[in-house]
Amino acid sequence: MKAVKHFTFSRATGMVTRYKNNKELYSHPFPEFDCYLISSPSHQGILSYQLHLVHRYHRYFDSIPLHGFSTSQQPDEFEQIWNLIQRYMDTSQPMPDIPELEPARPRDPTTAAWDKQHNRKPDYWFSMDDEAFEEAINQLRAEQHFKPTQGPEIDLFNGGIQACVA
């Protein structure tokens, strides 16, 4: 079996690239993309959700499918995935602290500086036993429960971001 690349998010360049048959179809800066949550009923009437990234200025036939990041069919889960991707692409803050990104943390300057400043162990996730891992995951879920799933509220009339009241 051969690995096939479908898309990449480059934190270093800020670019999102779409591939077909391992050949680049297009590449644009991340802020030029919009995220859409699409719902459609099955033949039995059960709603199914898909998350897609679409370039704002071009009408490409292929969107970037993001629903593969989750096995859940809950819209809130897709909104959290979108927030995770936005945070990953925002180089002004450290990468999201999740096990999948732990090997890349030392190679990202912003994240490495944050980790050093906060004395984060380089193998924080991988050095945990099962009990500590479950506790850390539960803590992350509890923190996410109180964060707005779609980011801070933007006050368009007064020209700024306002803190959301939970």
N, C-alpha and C. Protein backbone atom coordinates (compact mmCIF):
# COMPACT_ATOMS: atom_id res chain seq x y z
N MET A 1 0.83 -1.19 0.00
CA MET A 1 0.00 0.00 0.00
C MET A 1 0.87 1.24 0.00
N LYS A 2 0.42 2.22 -0.73
CA LYS A 2 1.15 3.47 -0.85
C LYS A 2 0.42 4.57 -0.11
N ALA A 3 1.15 5.38 0.63
CA ALA A 3 0.54 6.51 1.33
C ALA A 3 0.17 7.58 0.31
N VAL A 4 -1.01 8.17 0.50
CA VAL A 4 -1.47 9.22 -0.39
C VAL A 4 -1.71 10.47 0.45
N LYS A 5 -1.08 11.56 0.04
CA LYS A 5 -1.22 12.83 0.74
C LYS A 5 -2.45 13.55 0.17
N HIS A 6 -3.36 13.99 1.04
CA HIS A 6 -4.56 14.69 0.60
C HIS A 6 -4.46 16.20 0.81
N PHE A 7 -3.88 16.59 1.95
CA PHE A 7 -3.71 18.01 2.24
C PHE A 7 -2.66 18.17 3.34
N THR A 8 -2.10 19.39 3.42
CA THR A 8 -1.16 19.71 4.50
C THR A 8 -1.48 21.09 5.05
N PHE A 9 -1.23 21.26 6.34
CA PHE A 9 -1.27 22.54 7.02
C PHE A 9 0.15 22.83 7.45
N SER A 10 0.78 23.87 6.90
CA SER A 10 2.14 24.20 7.28
C SER A 10 2.14 25.38 8.24
N ARG A 11 2.46 25.09 9.48
CA ARG A 11 2.57 26.15 10.48
C ARG A 11 3.73 27.08 10.15
N ALA A 12 4.80 26.52 9.60
CA ALA A 12 6.00 27.31 9.29
C ALA A 12 5.75 28.34 8.19
N THR A 13 4.98 27.97 7.16
CA THR A 13 4.75 28.89 6.04
C THR A 13 3.37 29.55 6.09
N GLY A 14 2.45 28.99 6.88
CA GLY A 14 1.09 29.51 6.94
C GLY A 14 0.24 29.09 5.76
N MET A 15 0.71 28.10 5.00
CA MET A 15 0.01 27.68 3.80
C MET A 15 -0.78 26.39 4.02
N VAL A 16 -1.89 26.30 3.29
CA VAL A 16 -2.69 25.08 3.24
C VAL A 16 -2.60 24.59 1.80
N THR A 17 -2.26 23.31 1.65
CA THR A 17 -2.07 22.76 0.31
C THR A 17 -2.96 21.55 0.13
N ARG A 18 -3.62 21.48 -1.03
CA ARG A 18 -4.50 20.36 -1.38
C ARG A 18 -3.81 19.55 -2.47
N TYR A 19 -3.85 18.22 -2.32
CA TYR A 19 -3.22 17.30 -3.25
C TYR A 19 -4.24 16.34 -3.84
N LYS A 20 -3.93 15.86 -5.03
CA LYS A 20 -4.70 14.77 -5.63
C LYS A 20 -3.69 13.85 -6.29
N ASN A 21 -3.73 12.56 -5.93
CA ASN A 21 -2.75 11.58 -6.41
C ASN A 21 -1.32 12.04 -6.12
N ASN A 22 -1.12 12.60 -4.93
CA ASN A 22 0.17 13.11 -4.45
C ASN A 22 0.72 14.26 -5.30
N LYS A 23 -0.11 14.90 -6.10
CA LYS A 23 0.30 16.07 -6.87
C LYS A 23 -0.47 17.28 -6.34
N GLU A 24 0.23 18.40 -6.21
CA GLU A 24 -0.39 19.60 -5.66
C GLU A 24 -1.47 20.14 -6.60
N LEU A 25 -2.67 20.35 -6.04
CA LEU A 25 -3.76 20.97 -6.80
C LEU A 25 -3.73 22.48 -6.62
N TYR A 26 -3.58 22.90 -5.35
CA TYR A 26 -3.51 24.33 -5.04
C TYR A 26 -2.92 24.52 -3.65
N SER A 27 -2.43 25.75 -3.43
CA SER A 27 -1.85 26.11 -2.14
C SER A 27 -2.12 27.59 -1.91
N HIS A 28 -2.69 27.91 -0.73
CA HIS A 28 -3.04 29.30 -0.40
C HIS A 28 -2.79 29.53 1.10
N PRO A 29 -2.66 30.81 1.49
CA PRO A 29 -2.51 31.13 2.91
C PRO A 29 -3.76 30.72 3.71
N PHE A 30 -3.53 30.22 4.92
CA PHE A 30 -4.61 29.73 5.77
C PHE A 30 -5.75 30.74 5.96
N PRO A 31 -5.48 32.04 6.18
CA PRO A 31 -6.60 32.97 6.40
C PRO A 31 -7.56 33.10 5.23
N GLU A 32 -7.19 32.62 4.06
CA GLU A 32 -8.08 32.70 2.89
C GLU A 32 -9.09 31.56 2.82
N PHE A 33 -9.10 30.70 3.82
CA PHE A 33 -10.02 29.56 3.82
C PHE A 33 -11.16 29.77 4.81
N ASP A 34 -12.32 29.27 4.45
CA ASP A 34 -13.48 29.25 5.34
C ASP A 34 -13.83 27.81 5.65
N CYS A 35 -14.32 27.59 6.85
CA CYS A 35 -14.69 26.26 7.29
C CYS A 35 -16.21 26.12 7.29
N TYR A 36 -16.69 25.01 6.75
CA TYR A 36 -18.12 24.76 6.67
C TYR A 36 -18.46 23.42 7.31
N LEU A 37 -19.49 23.44 8.13
CA LEU A 37 -20.03 22.21 8.70
C LEU A 37 -21.28 21.88 7.88
N ILE A 38 -21.23 20.77 7.21
CA ILE A 38 -22.32 20.36 6.32
C ILE A 38 -23.08 19.22 6.97
N SER A 39 -24.40 19.31 6.96
CA SER A 39 -25.21 18.22 7.49
C SER A 39 -26.07 17.67 6.36
N SER A 40 -26.23 16.36 6.38
CA SER A 40 -27.10 15.73 5.39
C SER A 40 -27.71 14.48 6.03
N PRO A 41 -28.98 14.22 5.73
CA PRO A 41 -29.62 13.04 6.31
C PRO A 41 -29.28 11.76 5.54
N SER A 42 -29.20 10.66 6.27
CA SER A 42 -29.03 9.36 5.61
C SER A 42 -30.39 8.93 5.06
N HIS A 43 -30.42 7.80 4.38
CA HIS A 43 -31.70 7.31 3.85
C HIS A 43 -32.67 6.95 4.97
N GLN A 44 -32.15 6.84 6.21
CA GLN A 44 -33.02 6.56 7.35
C GLN A 44 -33.37 7.83 8.13
N GLY A 45 -32.91 8.99 7.64
CA GLY A 45 -33.25 10.26 8.27
C GLY A 45 -32.31 10.68 9.39
N ILE A 46 -31.22 9.96 9.59
CA ILE A 46 -30.26 10.30 10.65
C ILE A 46 -29.26 11.30 10.08
N LEU A 47 -29.07 12.43 10.79
CA LEU A 47 -28.15 13.45 10.30
C LEU A 47 -26.71 13.00 10.39
N SER A 48 -25.98 13.28 9.34
CA SER A 48 -24.55 13.00 9.26
C SER A 48 -23.86 14.34 9.02
N TYR A 49 -22.70 14.54 9.62
CA TYR A 49 -21.99 15.81 9.50
C TYR A 49 -20.64 15.62 8.83
N GLN A 50 -20.23 16.64 8.09
CA GLN A 50 -18.90 16.68 7.49
C GLN A 50 -18.36 18.09 7.64
N LEU A 51 -17.06 18.18 7.84
CA LEU A 51 -16.38 19.46 7.99
C LEU A 51 -15.48 19.66 6.78
N HIS A 52 -15.61 20.80 6.11
CA HIS A 52 -14.83 21.08 4.91
C HIS A 52 -14.20 22.46 4.99
N LEU A 53 -13.01 22.56 4.44
CA LEU A 53 -12.31 23.83 4.30
C LEU A 53 -12.40 24.22 2.83
N VAL A 54 -12.87 25.44 2.57
CA VAL A 54 -13.10 25.91 1.20
C VAL A 54 -12.36 27.23 1.00
N HIS A 55 -11.66 27.34 -0.12
CA HIS A 55 -10.95 28.59 -0.40
C HIS A 55 -11.96 29.68 -0.74
N ARG A 56 -11.80 30.81 -0.11
CA ARG A 56 -12.77 31.90 -0.21
C ARG A 56 -12.83 32.54 -1.60
N TYR A 57 -11.70 32.60 -2.30
CA TYR A 57 -11.64 33.39 -3.53
C TYR A 57 -11.64 32.58 -4.82
N HIS A 58 -11.55 31.27 -4.73
CA HIS A 58 -11.57 30.43 -5.93
C HIS A 58 -12.67 29.38 -5.79
N ARG A 59 -13.20 28.97 -6.90
CA ARG A 59 -14.25 27.94 -6.88
C ARG A 59 -13.65 26.60 -7.29
N TYR A 60 -12.83 26.06 -6.41
CA TYR A 60 -12.22 24.77 -6.70
C TYR A 60 -13.25 23.67 -6.58
N PHE A 61 -13.10 22.65 -7.39
CA PHE A 61 -14.00 21.51 -7.34
C PHE A 61 -13.77 20.72 -6.04
N ASP A 62 -12.51 20.62 -5.61
CA ASP A 62 -12.17 19.86 -4.40
C ASP A 62 -12.05 20.77 -3.19
N SER A 63 -12.79 20.46 -2.14
CA SER A 63 -12.59 21.14 -0.86
C SER A 63 -11.62 20.28 -0.04
N ILE A 64 -11.28 20.77 1.12
CA ILE A 64 -10.39 20.00 2.00
C ILE A 64 -11.24 19.36 3.08
N PRO A 65 -11.35 18.04 3.09
CA PRO A 65 -12.21 17.36 4.07
C PRO A 65 -11.52 17.26 5.43
N LEU A 66 -12.15 17.82 6.45
CA LEU A 66 -11.58 17.80 7.80
C LEU A 66 -12.28 16.82 8.72
N HIS A 67 -13.37 16.23 8.28
CA HIS A 67 -14.15 15.36 9.16
C HIS A 67 -13.40 14.08 9.54
N GLY A 68 -12.32 13.77 8.85
CA GLY A 68 -11.53 12.59 9.20
C GLY A 68 -10.75 12.76 10.50
N PHE A 69 -10.71 13.99 11.03
CA PHE A 69 -10.03 14.23 12.30
C PHE A 69 -10.82 13.69 13.48
N SER A 70 -12.07 13.30 13.26
CA SER A 70 -12.91 12.84 14.37
C SER A 70 -13.77 11.66 13.93
N THR A 71 -14.01 10.76 14.86
CA THR A 71 -14.95 9.67 14.60
C THR A 71 -16.32 10.02 15.14
N SER A 72 -16.41 11.14 15.85
CA SER A 72 -17.67 11.59 16.43
C SER A 72 -18.56 12.19 15.34
N GLN A 73 -19.84 12.17 15.56
CA GLN A 73 -20.78 12.82 14.66
C GLN A 73 -21.47 13.98 15.35
N GLN A 74 -20.85 14.53 16.40
CA GLN A 74 -21.43 15.65 17.13
C GLN A 74 -20.88 16.96 16.58
N PRO A 75 -21.74 17.92 16.25
CA PRO A 75 -21.28 19.21 15.72
C PRO A 75 -20.29 19.91 16.65
N ASP A 76 -20.48 19.81 17.96
CA ASP A 76 -19.55 20.46 18.90
C ASP A 76 -18.13 19.93 18.74
N GLU A 77 -18.01 18.65 18.47
CA GLU A 77 -16.69 18.04 18.28
C GLU A 77 -16.02 18.63 17.03
N PHE A 78 -16.76 18.84 15.97
CA PHE A 78 -16.21 19.43 14.75
C PHE A 78 -15.79 20.89 14.99
N GLU A 79 -16.56 21.62 15.78
CA GLU A 79 -16.20 23.00 16.11
C GLU A 79 -14.90 23.04 16.91
N GLN A 80 -14.70 22.09 17.81
CA GLN A 80 -13.46 22.03 18.57
C GLN A 80 -12.28 21.66 17.67
N ILE A 81 -12.51 20.81 16.69
CA ILE A 81 -11.46 20.46 15.74
C ILE A 81 -11.07 21.71 14.94
N TRP A 82 -12.04 22.49 14.52
CA TRP A 82 -11.75 23.72 13.78
C TRP A 82 -10.94 24.67 14.65
N ASN A 83 -11.30 24.80 15.93
CA ASN A 83 -10.52 25.65 16.84
C ASN A 83 -9.10 25.12 17.00
N LEU A 84 -8.93 23.80 17.08
CA LEU A 84 -7.61 23.19 17.19
C LEU A 84 -6.76 23.54 15.96
N ILE A 85 -7.33 23.44 14.78
CA ILE A 85 -6.60 23.76 13.55
C ILE A 85 -6.23 25.24 13.51
N GLN A 86 -7.16 26.12 13.90
CA GLN A 86 -6.86 27.55 13.93
C GLN A 86 -5.72 27.85 14.90
N ARG A 87 -5.75 27.21 16.05
CA ARG A 87 -4.68 27.43 17.02
C ARG A 87 -3.35 26.88 16.50
N TYR A 88 -3.38 25.74 15.85
CA TYR A 88 -2.17 25.17 15.27
C TYR A 88 -1.55 26.13 14.26
N MET A 89 -2.37 26.77 13.45
CA MET A 89 -1.86 27.66 12.40
C MET A 89 -1.50 29.06 12.92
N ASP A 90 -1.87 29.40 14.14
CA ASP A 90 -1.57 30.71 14.73
C ASP A 90 -0.19 30.64 15.40
N THR A 91 0.82 31.19 14.74
CA THR A 91 2.19 31.10 15.27
C THR A 91 2.46 32.06 16.41
N SER A 92 1.48 32.89 16.77
CA SER A 92 1.67 33.79 17.91
C SER A 92 1.44 33.06 19.23
N GLN A 93 0.91 31.86 19.19
CA GLN A 93 0.70 31.08 20.41
C GLN A 93 1.25 29.67 20.20
N PRO A 94 1.51 28.96 21.32
CA PRO A 94 2.06 27.61 21.17
C PRO A 94 1.06 26.67 20.51
N MET A 95 1.60 25.59 19.94
CA MET A 95 0.74 24.58 19.33
C MET A 95 -0.18 23.99 20.40
N PRO A 96 -1.32 23.46 20.00
CA PRO A 96 -2.18 22.79 20.98
C PRO A 96 -1.42 21.66 21.67
N ASP A 97 -1.65 21.51 22.95
CA ASP A 97 -0.93 20.49 23.73
C ASP A 97 -1.70 19.18 23.69
N ILE A 98 -1.46 18.42 22.61
CA ILE A 98 -2.10 17.12 22.42
C ILE A 98 -1.02 16.10 22.11
N PRO A 99 -1.26 14.82 22.42
CA PRO A 99 -0.23 13.80 22.21
C PRO A 99 0.30 13.73 20.77
N GLU A 100 -0.56 13.93 19.78
CA GLU A 100 -0.15 13.82 18.37
C GLU A 100 0.90 14.85 17.98
N LEU A 101 0.90 16.00 18.64
CA LEU A 101 1.83 17.07 18.28
C LEU A 101 3.07 17.13 19.17
N GLU A 102 3.14 16.27 20.18
CA GLU A 102 4.27 16.32 21.11
C GLU A 102 5.63 16.20 20.43
N PRO A 103 5.84 15.29 19.47
CA PRO A 103 7.16 15.21 18.83
C PRO A 103 7.56 16.48 18.08
N ALA A 104 6.61 17.28 17.62
CA ALA A 104 6.91 18.49 16.85
C ALA A 104 7.13 19.72 17.72
N ARG A 105 6.77 19.66 18.98
CA ARG A 105 6.85 20.85 19.84
C ARG A 105 8.24 21.47 19.93
N PRO A 106 9.32 20.69 20.06
CA PRO A 106 10.65 21.32 20.16
C PRO A 106 11.09 22.01 18.86
N ARG A 107 10.51 21.65 17.73
CA ARG A 107 10.91 22.23 16.45
C ARG A 107 10.19 23.53 16.12
N ASP A 108 9.17 23.87 16.89
CA ASP A 108 8.43 25.11 16.67
C ASP A 108 8.94 26.16 17.66
N PRO A 109 9.48 27.29 17.18
CA PRO A 109 10.09 28.27 18.09
C PRO A 109 9.13 28.81 19.16
N THR A 110 7.91 29.16 18.79
CA THR A 110 6.95 29.71 19.76
C THR A 110 6.60 28.68 20.82
N THR A 111 6.36 27.46 20.39
CA THR A 111 6.00 26.38 21.31
C THR A 111 7.18 26.01 22.20
N ALA A 112 8.36 25.92 21.63
CA ALA A 112 9.56 25.58 22.42
C ALA A 112 9.81 26.64 23.50
N ALA A 113 9.64 27.92 23.15
CA ALA A 113 9.82 28.99 24.14
C ALA A 113 8.78 28.89 25.25
N TRP A 114 7.53 28.60 24.88
CA TRP A 114 6.46 28.47 25.88
C TRP A 114 6.75 27.28 26.80
N ASP A 115 7.15 26.15 26.20
CA ASP A 115 7.45 24.95 26.99
C ASP A 115 8.58 25.22 27.98
N LYS A 116 9.61 25.94 27.54
CA LYS A 116 10.74 26.25 28.41
C LYS A 116 10.31 27.18 29.54
N GLN A 117 9.53 28.19 29.20
CA GLN A 117 9.05 29.16 30.19
C GLN A 117 8.15 28.50 31.24
N HIS A 118 7.38 27.49 30.84
CA HIS A 118 6.44 26.82 31.75
C HIS A 118 6.97 25.48 32.27
N ASN A 119 8.25 25.20 32.03
CA ASN A 119 8.88 23.96 32.50
C ASN A 119 8.10 22.71 32.10
N ARG A 120 7.59 22.70 30.88
CA ARG A 120 6.86 21.52 30.38
C ARG A 120 7.87 20.44 30.01
N LYS A 121 7.63 19.24 30.50
CA LYS A 121 8.51 18.11 30.18
C LYS A 121 8.41 17.81 28.69
N PRO A 122 9.54 17.53 28.02
CA PRO A 122 9.51 17.23 26.58
C PRO A 122 8.66 16.00 26.24
N ASP A 123 8.56 15.08 27.19
CA ASP A 123 7.77 13.86 26.94
C ASP A 123 6.54 13.82 27.87
N TYR A 124 5.92 14.98 28.05
CA TYR A 124 4.78 15.12 28.97
C TYR A 124 3.74 14.02 28.75
N TRP A 125 3.27 13.86 27.52
CA TRP A 125 2.22 12.88 27.25
C TRP A 125 2.75 11.45 27.26
N PHE A 126 3.92 11.23 26.71
CA PHE A 126 4.42 9.87 26.54
C PHE A 126 5.00 9.27 27.82
N SER A 127 5.26 10.12 28.82
CA SER A 127 5.81 9.60 30.08
C SER A 127 4.72 9.27 31.10
N MET A 128 3.47 9.52 30.76
CA MET A 128 2.36 9.27 31.69
C MET A 128 2.00 7.80 31.76
N ASP A 129 1.54 7.40 32.95
CA ASP A 129 0.94 6.08 33.03
C ASP A 129 -0.54 6.22 32.63
N ASP A 130 -1.25 5.12 32.54
CA ASP A 130 -2.64 5.15 32.07
C ASP A 130 -3.54 6.01 32.94
N GLU A 131 -3.34 5.95 34.24
CA GLU A 131 -4.17 6.71 35.16
C GLU A 131 -3.96 8.22 34.98
N ALA A 132 -2.72 8.64 34.88
CA ALA A 132 -2.40 10.06 34.70
C ALA A 132 -2.92 10.56 33.34
N PHE A 133 -2.83 9.69 32.32
CA PHE A 133 -3.32 10.05 31.00
C PHE A 133 -4.83 10.29 31.05
N GLU A 134 -5.57 9.39 31.66
CA GLU A 134 -7.02 9.57 31.78
C GLU A 134 -7.37 10.85 32.52
N GLU A 135 -6.62 11.14 33.57
CA GLU A 135 -6.85 12.35 34.36
C GLU A 135 -6.58 13.60 33.50
N ALA A 136 -5.48 13.58 32.72
CA ALA A 136 -5.14 14.72 31.86
C ALA A 136 -6.21 14.92 30.78
N ILE A 137 -6.70 13.84 30.20
CA ILE A 137 -7.75 13.93 29.18
C ILE A 137 -9.03 14.49 29.79
N ASN A 138 -9.40 14.02 30.97
CA ASN A 138 -10.60 14.53 31.64
C ASN A 138 -10.46 16.01 31.96
N GLN A 139 -9.26 16.44 32.33
CA GLN A 139 -9.02 17.86 32.62
C GLN A 139 -9.17 18.69 31.34
N LEU A 140 -8.64 18.18 30.22
CA LEU A 140 -8.80 18.89 28.94
C LEU A 140 -10.27 19.00 28.56
N ARG A 141 -11.01 17.93 28.74
CA ARG A 141 -12.45 17.96 28.43
C ARG A 141 -13.18 18.97 29.30
N ALA A 142 -12.82 19.03 30.57
CA ALA A 142 -13.46 19.98 31.49
C ALA A 142 -13.14 21.41 31.07
N GLU A 143 -11.89 21.68 30.67
CA GLU A 143 -11.51 23.02 30.21
C GLU A 143 -12.26 23.38 28.93
N GLN A 144 -12.38 22.44 28.00
CA GLN A 144 -13.07 22.70 26.74
C GLN A 144 -14.55 22.94 26.95
N HIS A 145 -15.12 22.33 27.98
CA HIS A 145 -16.54 22.49 28.25
C HIS A 145 -16.90 23.95 28.50
N PHE A 146 -15.98 24.70 29.09
CA PHE A 146 -16.26 26.09 29.44
C PHE A 146 -15.74 27.09 28.40
N LYS A 147 -15.06 26.60 27.36
CA LYS A 147 -14.59 27.49 26.31
C LYS A 147 -15.62 27.50 25.19
N PRO A 148 -15.86 28.68 24.61
CA PRO A 148 -16.80 28.71 23.49
C PRO A 148 -16.24 27.89 22.32
N THR A 149 -17.08 27.07 21.71
CA THR A 149 -16.60 26.18 20.65
C THR A 149 -16.23 26.91 19.39
N GLN A 150 -16.73 28.12 19.22
CA GLN A 150 -16.42 28.85 17.99
C GLN A 150 -15.51 30.04 18.24
N GLY A 151 -14.77 30.04 19.32
CA GLY A 151 -13.83 31.11 19.60
C GLY A 151 -14.51 32.31 20.24
N PRO A 152 -13.72 33.37 20.46
CA PRO A 152 -14.28 34.55 21.13
C PRO A 152 -15.31 35.26 20.24
N GLU A 153 -16.24 35.94 20.88
CA GLU A 153 -17.26 36.68 20.17
C GLU A 153 -16.62 37.92 19.55
N ILE A 154 -16.93 38.19 18.29
CA ILE A 154 -16.36 39.36 17.60
C ILE A 154 -17.45 40.42 17.52
N ASP A 155 -17.15 41.57 18.10
CA ASP A 155 -18.09 42.69 18.08
C ASP A 155 -17.80 43.52 16.83
N LEU A 156 -18.55 43.29 15.77
CA LEU A 156 -18.31 43.96 14.50
C LEU A 156 -18.62 45.45 14.55
N PHE A 157 -19.48 45.87 15.47
CA PHE A 157 -19.90 47.27 15.50
C PHE A 157 -18.94 48.16 16.28
N ASN A 158 -18.19 47.59 17.21
CA ASN A 158 -17.25 48.38 17.98
C ASN A 158 -15.80 48.06 17.63
N GLY A 159 -15.59 47.27 16.58
CA GLY A 159 -14.27 47.03 16.05
C GLY A 159 -13.33 46.19 16.88
N GLY A 160 -13.83 45.22 17.60
CA GLY A 160 -12.91 44.40 18.37
C GLY A 160 -13.51 43.13 18.88
N ILE A 161 -12.66 42.34 19.50
CA ILE A 161 -13.09 41.07 20.08
C ILE A 161 -13.49 41.31 21.51
N GLN A 162 -14.59 40.73 21.91
CA GLN A 162 -15.06 40.84 23.28
C GLN A 162 -14.93 39.50 23.95
N ALA A 163 -14.65 39.51 25.22
CA ALA A 163 -14.58 38.26 25.97
C ALA A 163 -15.96 37.65 26.07
N CYS A 164 -16.06 36.36 25.83
CA CYS A 164 -17.34 35.68 25.94
C CYS A 164 -17.63 35.40 27.41
N VAL A 165 -18.85 35.57 27.77
CA VAL A 165 -19.27 35.26 29.13
C VAL A 165 -19.90 33.88 29.10
N ALA A 166 -19.36 32.97 29.89
CA ALA A 166 -19.87 31.60 29.90
C ALA A 166 -20.98 31.45 30.90
